[in-house]
């Protein structure tokens, strides 16, 4: 199980990197890998040690932070796109008035 946890941490690091780069396709791929790996751990009947609980708690915290950061980036991108569209409309109106 320790190898699976290390793989999850690696996948999570890659996911964080791809999300920071706004690489949606790679991010989606990493999310699929992460989901599959987490399911395999929780479907396993092997007992979880205290050390593994700590690692899983750390992974959980990183996932929560990643979700929060992604939501913030989504909102920021939405606002930037809205501003861009408004400016484009203003330029269009200005050009029509010329």
PDB file of N, CA and C in Angstrom:
ATOM      1  N   UNK A   1       0.826  -1.192   0.000  1.00  0.00           N
ATOM      2  CA  UNK A   1       0.000   0.000   0.000  1.00  0.00           C
ATOM      3  C   UNK A   1       0.872   1.259   0.000  1.00  0.00           C
ATOM      4  N   UNK A   2       2.057   1.178   0.596  1.00  0.00           N
ATOM      5  CA  UNK A   2       2.944   2.341   0.645  1.00  0.00           C
ATOM      6  C   UNK A   2       3.308   2.804  -0.767  1.00  0.00           C
ATOM      7  N   UNK A   3       3.529   1.863  -1.668  1.00  0.00           N
ATOM      8  CA  UNK A   3       3.860   2.222  -3.052  1.00  0.00           C
ATOM      9  C   UNK A   3       2.687   2.946  -3.713  1.00  0.00           C
ATOM     10  N   UNK A   4       1.471   2.500  -3.413  1.00  0.00           N
ATOM     11  CA  UNK A   4       0.282   3.160  -3.968  1.00  0.00           C
ATOM     12  C   UNK A   4       0.165   4.590  -3.449  1.00  0.00           C
ATOM     13  N   UNK A   5       0.442   4.779  -2.162  1.00  0.00           N
ATOM     14  CA  UNK A   5       0.375   6.119  -1.583  1.00  0.00           C
ATOM     15  C   UNK A   5       1.424   7.038  -2.201  1.00  0.00           C
ATOM     16  N   UNK A   6       2.615   6.507  -2.426  1.00  0.00           N
ATOM     17  CA  UNK A   6       3.660   7.305  -3.075  1.00  0.00           C
ATOM     18  C   UNK A   6       3.249   7.669  -4.498  1.00  0.00           C
ATOM     19  N   UNK A   7       2.620   6.727  -5.195  1.00  0.00           N
ATOM     20  CA  UNK A   7       2.149   7.000  -6.557  1.00  0.00           C
ATOM     21  C   UNK A   7       1.058   8.075  -6.540  1.00  0.00           C
ATOM     22  N   UNK A   8       0.182   8.019  -5.547  1.00  0.00           N
ATOM     23  CA  UNK A   8      -0.876   9.031  -5.427  1.00  0.00           C
ATOM     24  C   UNK A   8      -0.259  10.405  -5.188  1.00  0.00           C
ATOM     25  N   UNK A   9       0.737  10.470  -4.312  1.00  0.00           N
ATOM     26  CA  UNK A   9       1.388  11.750  -4.043  1.00  0.00           C
ATOM     27  C   UNK A   9       2.071  12.293  -5.296  1.00  0.00           C
ATOM     28  N   UNK A  10       2.697  11.424  -6.068  1.00  0.00           N
ATOM     29  CA  UNK A  10       3.332  11.838  -7.321  1.00  0.00           C
ATOM     30  C   UNK A  10       2.287  12.342  -8.315  1.00  0.00           C
ATOM     31  N   UNK A  11       1.201  11.602  -8.452  1.00  0.00           N
ATOM     32  CA  UNK A  11       0.125  12.001  -9.362  1.00  0.00           C
ATOM     33  C   UNK A  11      -0.478  13.331  -8.928  1.00  0.00           C
ATOM     34  N   UNK A  12      -0.647  13.508  -7.628  1.00  0.00           N
ATOM     35  CA  UNK A  12      -1.192  14.760  -7.106  1.00  0.00           C
ATOM     36  C   UNK A  12      -0.251  15.930  -7.401  1.00  0.00           C
ATOM     37  N   UNK A  13       1.040  15.709  -7.268  1.00  0.00           N
ATOM     38  CA  UNK A  13       2.016  16.758  -7.595  1.00  0.00           C
ATOM     39  C   UNK A  13       1.942  17.121  -9.076  1.00  0.00           C
ATOM     40  N   UNK A  14       1.817  16.105  -9.929  1.00  0.00           N
ATOM     41  CA  UNK A  14       1.692  16.359 -11.367  1.00  0.00           C
ATOM     42  C   UNK A  14       0.396  17.112 -11.666  1.00  0.00           C
ATOM     43  N   UNK A  15      -0.670  16.746 -10.986  1.00  0.00           N
ATOM     44  CA  UNK A  15      -1.955  17.423 -11.173  1.00  0.00           C
ATOM     45  C   UNK A  15      -1.844  18.893 -10.777  1.00  0.00           C
ATOM     46  N   UNK A  16      -1.217  19.153  -9.642  1.00  0.00           N
ATOM     47  CA  UNK A  16      -1.025  20.540  -9.206  1.00  0.00           C
ATOM     48  C   UNK A  16      -0.245  21.331 -10.252  1.00  0.00           C
ATOM     49  N   UNK A  17       0.796  20.714 -10.789  1.00  0.00           N
ATOM     50  CA  UNK A  17       1.621  21.376 -11.807  1.00  0.00           C
ATOM     51  C   UNK A  17       0.794  21.696 -13.051  1.00  0.00           C
ATOM     52  N   UNK A  18       0.040  20.728 -13.539  1.00  0.00           N
ATOM     53  CA  UNK A  18      -0.750  20.925 -14.759  1.00  0.00           C
ATOM     54  C   UNK A  18      -1.871  21.937 -14.549  1.00  0.00           C
ATOM     55  N   UNK A  19      -2.463  21.944 -13.377  1.00  0.00           N
ATOM     56  CA  UNK A  19      -3.505  22.934 -13.106  1.00  0.00           C
ATOM     57  C   UNK A  19      -2.918  24.343 -13.030  1.00  0.00           C
ATOM     58  N   UNK A  20      -1.729  24.468 -12.454  1.00  0.00           N
ATOM     59  CA  UNK A  20      -1.077  25.782 -12.411  1.00  0.00           C
ATOM     60  C   UNK A  20      -0.744  26.281 -13.811  1.00  0.00           C
ATOM     61  N   UNK A  21      -0.454  25.347 -14.709  1.00  0.00           N
ATOM     62  CA  UNK A  21      -0.155  25.702 -16.096  1.00  0.00           C
ATOM     63  C   UNK A  21      -1.427  25.812 -16.937  1.00  0.00           C
ATOM     64  N   UNK A  22      -2.572  25.561 -16.319  1.00  0.00           N
ATOM     65  CA  UNK A  22      -3.881  25.564 -16.993  1.00  0.00           C
ATOM     66  C   UNK A  22      -3.929  24.569 -18.148  1.00  0.00           C
ATOM     67  N   UNK A  23      -3.265  23.434 -17.974  1.00  0.00           N
ATOM     68  CA  UNK A  23      -3.273  22.364 -18.969  1.00  0.00           C
ATOM     69  C   UNK A  23      -4.426  21.415 -18.629  1.00  0.00           C
ATOM     70  N   UNK A  24      -5.569  21.677 -19.222  1.00  0.00           N
ATOM     71  CA  UNK A  24      -6.802  20.970 -18.870  1.00  0.00           C
ATOM     72  C   UNK A  24      -6.753  19.491 -19.251  1.00  0.00           C
ATOM     73  N   UNK A  25      -6.231  19.169 -20.433  1.00  0.00           N
ATOM     74  CA  UNK A  25      -6.204  17.769 -20.869  1.00  0.00           C
ATOM     75  C   UNK A  25      -5.353  16.904 -19.943  1.00  0.00           C
ATOM     76  N   UNK A  26      -4.152  17.375 -19.634  1.00  0.00           N
ATOM     77  CA  UNK A  26      -3.285  16.618 -18.726  1.00  0.00           C
ATOM     78  C   UNK A  26      -3.880  16.559 -17.321  1.00  0.00           C
ATOM     79  N   UNK A  27      -4.509  17.641 -16.903  1.00  0.00           N
ATOM     80  CA  UNK A  27      -5.142  17.667 -15.579  1.00  0.00           C
ATOM     81  C   UNK A  27      -6.240  16.619 -15.494  1.00  0.00           C
ATOM     82  N   UNK A  28      -7.043  16.521 -16.539  1.00  0.00           N
ATOM     83  CA  UNK A  28      -8.120  15.523 -16.563  1.00  0.00           C
ATOM     84  C   UNK A  28      -7.556  14.114 -16.481  1.00  0.00           C
ATOM     85  N   UNK A  29      -6.472  13.878 -17.194  1.00  0.00           N
ATOM     86  CA  UNK A  29      -5.829  12.568 -17.163  1.00  0.00           C
ATOM     87  C   UNK A  29      -5.329  12.241 -15.756  1.00  0.00           C
ATOM     88  N   UNK A  30      -4.716  13.214 -15.097  1.00  0.00           N
ATOM     89  CA  UNK A  30      -4.203  12.994 -13.740  1.00  0.00           C
ATOM     90  C   UNK A  30      -5.342  12.787 -12.741  1.00  0.00           C
ATOM     91  N   UNK A  31      -6.447  13.471 -12.934  1.00  0.00           N
ATOM     92  CA  UNK A  31      -7.601  13.281 -12.052  1.00  0.00           C
ATOM     93  C   UNK A  31      -8.119  11.853 -12.175  1.00  0.00           C
ATOM     94  N   UNK A  32      -8.166  11.333 -13.401  1.00  0.00           N
ATOM     95  CA  UNK A  32      -8.594   9.946 -13.612  1.00  0.00           C
ATOM     96  C   UNK A  32      -7.651   8.984 -12.879  1.00  0.00           C
ATOM     97  N   UNK A  33      -6.338   9.205 -13.021  1.00  0.00           N
ATOM     98  CA  UNK A  33      -5.356   8.349 -12.350  1.00  0.00           C
ATOM     99  C   UNK A  33      -5.511   8.424 -10.833  1.00  0.00           C
ATOM    100  N   UNK A  34      -5.690   9.629 -10.345  1.00  0.00           N
ATOM    101  CA  UNK A  34      -5.832   9.844  -8.907  1.00  0.00           C
ATOM    102  C   UNK A  34      -7.077   9.142  -8.372  1.00  0.00           C
ATOM    103  N   UNK A  35      -8.173   9.275  -9.077  1.00  0.00           N
ATOM    104  CA  UNK A  35      -9.427   8.636  -8.673  1.00  0.00           C
ATOM    105  C   UNK A  35      -9.278   7.122  -8.632  1.00  0.00           C
ATOM    106  N   UNK A  36      -8.677   6.565  -9.665  1.00  0.00           N
ATOM    107  CA  UNK A  36      -8.476   5.116  -9.729  1.00  0.00           C
ATOM    108  C   UNK A  36      -7.595   4.634  -8.576  1.00  0.00           C
ATOM    109  N   UNK A  37      -6.516   5.353  -8.325  1.00  0.00           N
ATOM    110  CA  UNK A  37      -5.599   4.962  -7.246  1.00  0.00           C
ATOM    111  C   UNK A  37      -6.267   5.048  -5.879  1.00  0.00           C
ATOM    112  N   UNK A  38      -7.008   6.114  -5.646  1.00  0.00           N
ATOM    113  CA  UNK A  38      -7.696   6.255  -4.356  1.00  0.00           C
ATOM    114  C   UNK A  38      -8.754   5.174  -4.170  1.00  0.00           C
ATOM    115  N   UNK A  39      -9.482   4.863  -5.234  1.00  0.00           N
ATOM    116  CA  UNK A  39     -10.486   3.795  -5.137  1.00  0.00           C
ATOM    117  C   UNK A  39      -9.829   2.473  -4.784  1.00  0.00           C
ATOM    118  N   UNK A  40      -8.682   2.182  -5.394  1.00  0.00           N
ATOM    119  CA  UNK A  40      -8.019   0.905  -5.116  1.00  0.00           C
ATOM    120  C   UNK A  40      -7.570   0.821  -3.657  1.00  0.00           C
ATOM    121  N   UNK A  41      -7.153   1.937  -3.090  1.00  0.00           N
ATOM    122  CA  UNK A  41      -6.741   1.930  -1.678  1.00  0.00           C
ATOM    123  C   UNK A  41      -7.943   1.707  -0.768  1.00  0.00           C
ATOM    124  N   UNK A  42      -9.019   2.412  -1.030  1.00  0.00           N
ATOM    125  CA  UNK A  42     -10.174   2.304  -0.137  1.00  0.00           C
ATOM    126  C   UNK A  42     -10.993   1.038  -0.384  1.00  0.00           C
ATOM    127  N   UNK A  43     -10.830   0.425  -1.542  1.00  0.00           N
ATOM    128  CA  UNK A  43     -11.489  -0.856  -1.802  1.00  0.00           C
ATOM    129  C   UNK A  43     -10.711  -2.019  -1.187  1.00  0.00           C
ATOM    130  N   UNK A  44      -9.450  -1.784  -0.877  1.00  0.00           N
ATOM    131  CA  UNK A  44      -8.599  -2.818  -0.306  1.00  0.00           C
ATOM    132  C   UNK A  44      -9.060  -3.151   1.114  1.00  0.00           C
ATOM    133  N   UNK A  45      -8.931  -4.413   1.456  1.00  0.00           N
ATOM    134  CA  UNK A  45      -9.311  -4.842   2.800  1.00  0.00           C
ATOM    135  C   UNK A  45      -8.130  -4.812   3.763  1.00  0.00           C
ATOM    136  N   UNK A  46      -6.969  -4.382   3.267  1.00  0.00           N
ATOM    137  CA  UNK A  46      -5.791  -4.280   4.125  1.00  0.00           C
ATOM    138  C   UNK A  46      -6.004  -3.188   5.169  1.00  0.00           C
ATOM    139  N   UNK A  47      -5.558  -3.428   6.393  1.00  0.00           N
ATOM    140  CA  UNK A  47      -5.694  -2.385   7.424  1.00  0.00           C
ATOM    141  C   UNK A  47      -4.772  -1.202   7.107  1.00  0.00           C
ATOM    142  N   UNK A  48      -5.192  -0.030   7.548  1.00  0.00           N
ATOM    143  CA  UNK A  48      -4.410   1.180   7.320  1.00  0.00           C
ATOM    144  C   UNK A  48      -3.662   1.511   8.608  1.00  0.00           C
ATOM    145  N   UNK A  49      -2.352   1.669   8.496  1.00  0.00           N
ATOM    146  CA  UNK A  49      -1.525   1.990   9.662  1.00  0.00           C
ATOM    147  C   UNK A  49      -1.634   3.484   9.984  1.00  0.00           C
ATOM    148  N   UNK A  50      -1.111   3.848  11.153  1.00  0.00           N
ATOM    149  CA  UNK A  50      -1.123   5.259  11.561  1.00  0.00           C
ATOM    150  C   UNK A  50      -0.334   6.116  10.573  1.00  0.00           C
ATOM    151  N   UNK A  51       0.803   5.605  10.127  1.00  0.00           N
ATOM    152  CA  UNK A  51       1.623   6.349   9.165  1.00  0.00           C
ATOM    153  C   UNK A  51       0.851   6.555   7.858  1.00  0.00           C
ATOM    154  N   UNK A  52       0.150   5.520   7.420  1.00  0.00           N
ATOM    155  CA  UNK A  52      -0.635   5.639   6.192  1.00  0.00           C
ATOM    156  C   UNK A  52      -1.800   6.607   6.379  1.00  0.00           C
ATOM    157  N   UNK A  53      -2.374   6.629   7.586  1.00  0.00           N
ATOM    158  CA  UNK A  53      -3.442   7.598   7.877  1.00  0.00           C
ATOM    159  C   UNK A  53      -2.914   9.022   7.754  1.00  0.00           C
ATOM    160  N   UNK A  54      -1.695   9.239   8.254  1.00  0.00           N
ATOM    161  CA  UNK A  54      -1.089  10.569   8.162  1.00  0.00           C
ATOM    162  C   UNK A  54      -0.871  10.967   6.702  1.00  0.00           C
ATOM    163  N   UNK A  55      -0.406  10.023   5.905  1.00  0.00           N
ATOM    164  CA  UNK A  55      -0.185  10.303   4.480  1.00  0.00           C
ATOM    165  C   UNK A  55      -1.516  10.600   3.800  1.00  0.00           C
ATOM    166  N   UNK A  56      -2.541   9.816   4.107  1.00  0.00           N
ATOM    167  CA  UNK A  56      -3.862  10.046   3.513  1.00  0.00           C
ATOM    168  C   UNK A  56      -4.450  11.383   3.964  1.00  0.00           C
ATOM    169  N   UNK A  57      -4.211  11.758   5.212  1.00  0.00           N
ATOM    170  CA  UNK A  57      -4.670  13.057   5.706  1.00  0.00           C
ATOM    171  C   UNK A  57      -3.968  14.184   4.961  1.00  0.00           C
ATOM    172  N   UNK A  58      -2.681  14.013   4.727  1.00  0.00           N
ATOM    173  CA  UNK A  58      -1.916  15.006   3.965  1.00  0.00           C
ATOM    174  C   UNK A  58      -2.442  15.111   2.533  1.00  0.00           C
ATOM    175  N   UNK A  59      -2.716  13.978   1.922  1.00  0.00           N
ATOM    176  CA  UNK A  59      -3.267  13.960   0.559  1.00  0.00           C
ATOM    177  C   UNK A  59      -4.618  14.664   0.542  1.00  0.00           C
ATOM    178  N   UNK A  60      -5.440  14.383   1.547  1.00  0.00           N
ATOM    179  CA  UNK A  60      -6.753  15.025   1.646  1.00  0.00           C
ATOM    180  C   UNK A  60      -6.615  16.544   1.744  1.00  0.00           C
ATOM    181  N   UNK A  61      -5.690  17.002   2.572  1.00  0.00           N
ATOM    182  CA  UNK A  61      -5.469  18.445   2.725  1.00  0.00           C
ATOM    183  C   UNK A  61      -5.016  19.071   1.412  1.00  0.00           C
ATOM    184  N   UNK A  62      -4.125  18.389   0.721  1.00  0.00           N
ATOM    185  CA  UNK A  62      -3.650  18.898  -0.575  1.00  0.00           C
ATOM    186  C   UNK A  62      -4.782  18.950  -1.588  1.00  0.00           C
ATOM    187  N   UNK A  63      -5.645  17.940  -1.570  1.00  0.00           N
ATOM    188  CA  UNK A  63      -6.783  17.931  -2.499  1.00  0.00           C
ATOM    189  C   UNK A  63      -7.749  19.071  -2.197  1.00  0.00           C
ATOM    190  N   UNK A  64      -8.009  19.313  -0.921  1.00  0.00           N
ATOM    191  CA  UNK A  64      -8.903  20.412  -0.537  1.00  0.00           C
ATOM    192  C   UNK A  64      -8.317  21.746  -0.997  1.00  0.00           C
ATOM    193  N   UNK A  65      -7.021  21.947  -0.760  1.00  0.00           N
ATOM    194  CA  UNK A  65      -6.361  23.186  -1.185  1.00  0.00           C
ATOM    195  C   UNK A  65      -6.395  23.309  -2.703  1.00  0.00           C
ATOM    196  N   UNK A  66      -6.161  22.211  -3.396  1.00  0.00           N
ATOM    197  CA  UNK A  66      -6.169  22.220  -4.858  1.00  0.00           C
ATOM    198  C   UNK A  66      -7.547  22.593  -5.393  1.00  0.00           C
ATOM    199  N   UNK A  67      -8.588  22.054  -4.790  1.00  0.00           N
ATOM    200  CA  UNK A  67      -9.955  22.394  -5.206  1.00  0.00           C
ATOM    201  C   UNK A  67     -10.243  23.872  -4.962  1.00  0.00           C
ATOM    202  N   UNK A  68      -9.811  24.367  -3.818  1.00  0.00           N
ATOM    203  CA  UNK A  68     -10.022  25.782  -3.491  1.00  0.00           C
ATOM    204  C   UNK A  68      -9.276  26.674  -4.482  1.00  0.00           C
ATOM    205  N   UNK A  69      -8.013  26.355  -4.742  1.00  0.00           N
ATOM    206  CA  UNK A  69      -7.214  27.144  -5.684  1.00  0.00           C
ATOM    207  C   UNK A  69      -7.808  27.104  -7.088  1.00  0.00           C
ATOM    208  N   UNK A  70      -8.296  25.937  -7.488  1.00  0.00           N
ATOM    209  CA  UNK A  70      -8.895  25.795  -8.816  1.00  0.00           C
ATOM    210  C   UNK A  70     -10.164  26.626  -8.926  1.00  0.00           C
ATOM    211  N   UNK A  71     -10.970  26.636  -7.879  1.00  0.00           N
ATOM    212  CA  UNK A  71     -12.193  27.449  -7.885  1.00  0.00           C
ATOM    213  C   UNK A  71     -11.851  28.935  -7.978  1.00  0.00           C
ATOM    214  N   UNK A  72     -10.800  29.350  -7.266  1.00  0.00           N
ATOM    215  CA  UNK A  72     -10.374  30.750  -7.327  1.00  0.00           C
ATOM    216  C   UNK A  72      -9.880  31.114  -8.724  1.00  0.00           C
ATOM    217  N   UNK A  73      -9.096  30.224  -9.336  1.00  0.00           N
ATOM    218  CA  UNK A  73      -8.604  30.475 -10.698  1.00  0.00           C
ATOM    219  C   UNK A  73      -9.760  30.532 -11.687  1.00  0.00           C
ATOM    220  N   UNK A  74     -10.738  29.675 -11.479  1.00  0.00           N
ATOM    221  CA  UNK A  74     -11.903  29.670 -12.363  1.00  0.00           C
ATOM    222  C   UNK A  74     -12.620  31.014 -12.287  1.00  0.00           C
ATOM    223  N   UNK A  75     -12.817  31.512 -11.075  1.00  0.00           N
ATOM    224  CA  UNK A  75     -13.499  32.793 -10.889  1.00  0.00           C
ATOM    225  C   UNK A  75     -12.677  33.933 -11.485  1.00  0.00           C
ATOM    226  N   UNK A  76     -11.376  33.897 -11.267  1.00  0.00           N
ATOM    227  CA  UNK A  76     -10.499  34.934 -11.812  1.00  0.00           C
ATOM    228  C   UNK A  76     -10.527  34.919 -13.345  1.00  0.00           C
ATOM    229  N   UNK A  77     -10.462  33.739 -13.932  1.00  0.00           N
ATOM    230  CA  UNK A  77     -10.501  33.614 -15.387  1.00  0.00           C
ATOM    231  C   UNK A  77     -11.838  34.083 -15.928  1.00  0.00           C
ATOM    232  N   UNK A  78     -12.898  33.772 -15.214  1.00  0.00           N
ATOM    233  CA  UNK A  78     -14.238  34.212 -15.613  1.00  0.00           C
ATOM    234  C   UNK A  78     -14.309  35.735 -15.641  1.00  0.00           C
ATOM    235  N   UNK A  79     -13.764  36.374 -14.610  1.00  0.00           N
ATOM    236  CA  UNK A  79     -13.774  37.837 -14.545  1.00  0.00           C
ATOM    237  C   UNK A  79     -12.922  38.447 -15.661  1.00  0.00           C
ATOM    238  N   UNK A  80     -11.758  37.854 -15.911  1.00  0.00           N
ATOM    239  CA  UNK A  80     -10.891  38.360 -16.976  1.00  0.00           C
ATOM    240  C   UNK A  80     -11.564  38.227 -18.339  1.00  0.00           C
ATOM    241  N   UNK A  81     -12.215  37.110 -18.568  1.00  0.00           N
ATOM    242  CA  UNK A  81     -12.910  36.896 -19.832  1.00  0.00           C
ATOM    243  C   UNK A  81     -14.070  37.869 -19.980  1.00  0.00           C
ATOM    244  N   UNK A  82     -14.788  38.101 -18.898  1.00  0.00           N
ATOM    245  CA  UNK A  82     -15.899  39.049 -18.922  1.00  0.00           C
ATOM    246  C   UNK A  82     -15.402  40.451 -19.264  1.00  0.00           C
ATOM    247  N   UNK A  83     -14.306  40.853 -18.655  1.00  0.00           N
ATOM    248  CA  UNK A  83     -13.717  42.166 -18.935  1.00  0.00           C
ATOM    249  C   UNK A  83     -13.269  42.255 -20.389  1.00  0.00           C
ATOM    250  N   UNK A  84     -12.660  41.200 -20.884  1.00  0.00           N
ATOM    251  CA  UNK A  84     -12.204  41.174 -22.274  1.00  0.00           C
ATOM    252  C   UNK A  84     -13.371  41.314 -23.244  1.00  0.00           C
ATOM    253  N   UNK A  85     -14.452  40.599 -22.983  1.00  0.00           N
ATOM    254  CA  UNK A  85     -15.636  40.669 -23.851  1.00  0.00           C
ATOM    255  C   UNK A  85     -16.242  42.067 -23.803  1.00  0.00           C
ATOM    256  N   UNK A  86     -16.329  42.647 -22.613  1.00  0.00           N
ATOM    257  CA  UNK A  86     -16.877  44.006 -22.489  1.00  0.00           C
ATOM    258  C   UNK A  86     -16.024  45.003 -23.264  1.00  0.00           C
ATOM    259  N   UNK A  87     -14.709  44.884 -23.139  1.00  0.00           N
ATOM    260  CA  UNK A  87     -13.816  45.794 -23.857  1.00  0.00           C
ATOM    261  C   UNK A  87     -13.943  45.619 -25.368  1.00  0.00           C
ATOM    262  N   UNK A  88     -14.089  44.381 -25.797  1.00  0.00           N
ATOM    263  CA  UNK A  88     -14.239  44.116 -27.228  1.00  0.00           C
ATOM    264  C   UNK A  88     -15.529  44.750 -27.744  1.00  0.00           C
ATOM    265  N   UNK A  89     -16.597  44.653 -26.967  1.00  0.00           N
ATOM    266  CA  UNK A  89     -17.867  45.271 -27.362  1.00  0.00           C
ATOM    267  C   UNK A  89     -17.721  46.784 -27.438  1.00  0.00           C
ATOM    268  N   UNK A  90     -17.027  47.369 -26.469  1.00  0.00           N
ATOM    269  CA  UNK A  90     -16.822  48.818 -26.464  1.00  0.00           C
ATOM    270  C   UNK A  90     -16.031  49.263 -27.691  1.00  0.00           C
ATOM    271  N   UNK A  91     -15.008  48.508 -28.043  1.00  0.00           N
ATOM    272  CA  UNK A  91     -14.213  48.836 -29.231  1.00  0.00           C
ATOM    273  C   UNK A  91     -15.077  48.721 -30.477  1.00  0.00           C
ATOM    274  N   UNK A  92     -15.925  47.698 -30.525  1.00  0.00           N
ATOM    275  CA  UNK A  92     -16.833  47.531 -31.664  1.00  0.00           C
ATOM    276  C   UNK A  92     -17.786  48.703 -31.796  1.00  0.00           C
ATOM    277  N   UNK A  93     -18.343  49.143 -30.690  1.00  0.00           N
ATOM    278  CA  UNK A  93     -19.261  50.295 -30.706  1.00  0.00           C
ATOM    279  C   UNK A  93     -18.501  51.551 -31.124  1.00  0.00           C
ATOM    280  N   UNK A  94     -17.302  51.736 -30.603  1.00  0.00           N
ATOM    281  CA  UNK A  94     -16.485  52.898 -30.953  1.00  0.00           C
ATOM    282  C   UNK A  94     -16.200  52.911 -32.453  1.00  0.00           C
ATOM    283  N   UNK A  95     -15.842  51.744 -32.995  1.00  0.00           N
ATOM    284  CA  UNK A  95     -15.547  51.664 -34.431  1.00  0.00           C
ATOM    285  C   UNK A  95     -16.783  51.954 -35.273  1.00  0.00           C
ATOM    286  N   UNK A  96     -17.954  51.562 -34.791  1.00  0.00           N
ATOM    287  CA  UNK A  96     -19.191  51.845 -35.532  1.00  0.00           C
ATOM    288  C   UNK A  96     -19.505  53.335 -35.526  1.00  0.00           C
ATOM    289  N   UNK A  97     -19.172  54.016 -34.440  1.00  0.00           N
ATOM    290  CA  UNK A  97     -19.463  55.446 -34.326  1.00  0.00           C
ATOM    291  C   UNK A  97     -18.497  56.302 -35.144  1.00  0.00           C
ATOM    292  N   UNK A  98     -17.360  55.788 -35.481  1.00  0.00           N
ATOM    293  CA  UNK A  98     -16.371  56.545 -36.255  1.00  0.00           C
ATOM    294  C   UNK A  98     -16.830  56.885 -37.621  1.00  0.00           C
TER     295      UNK A  98
END
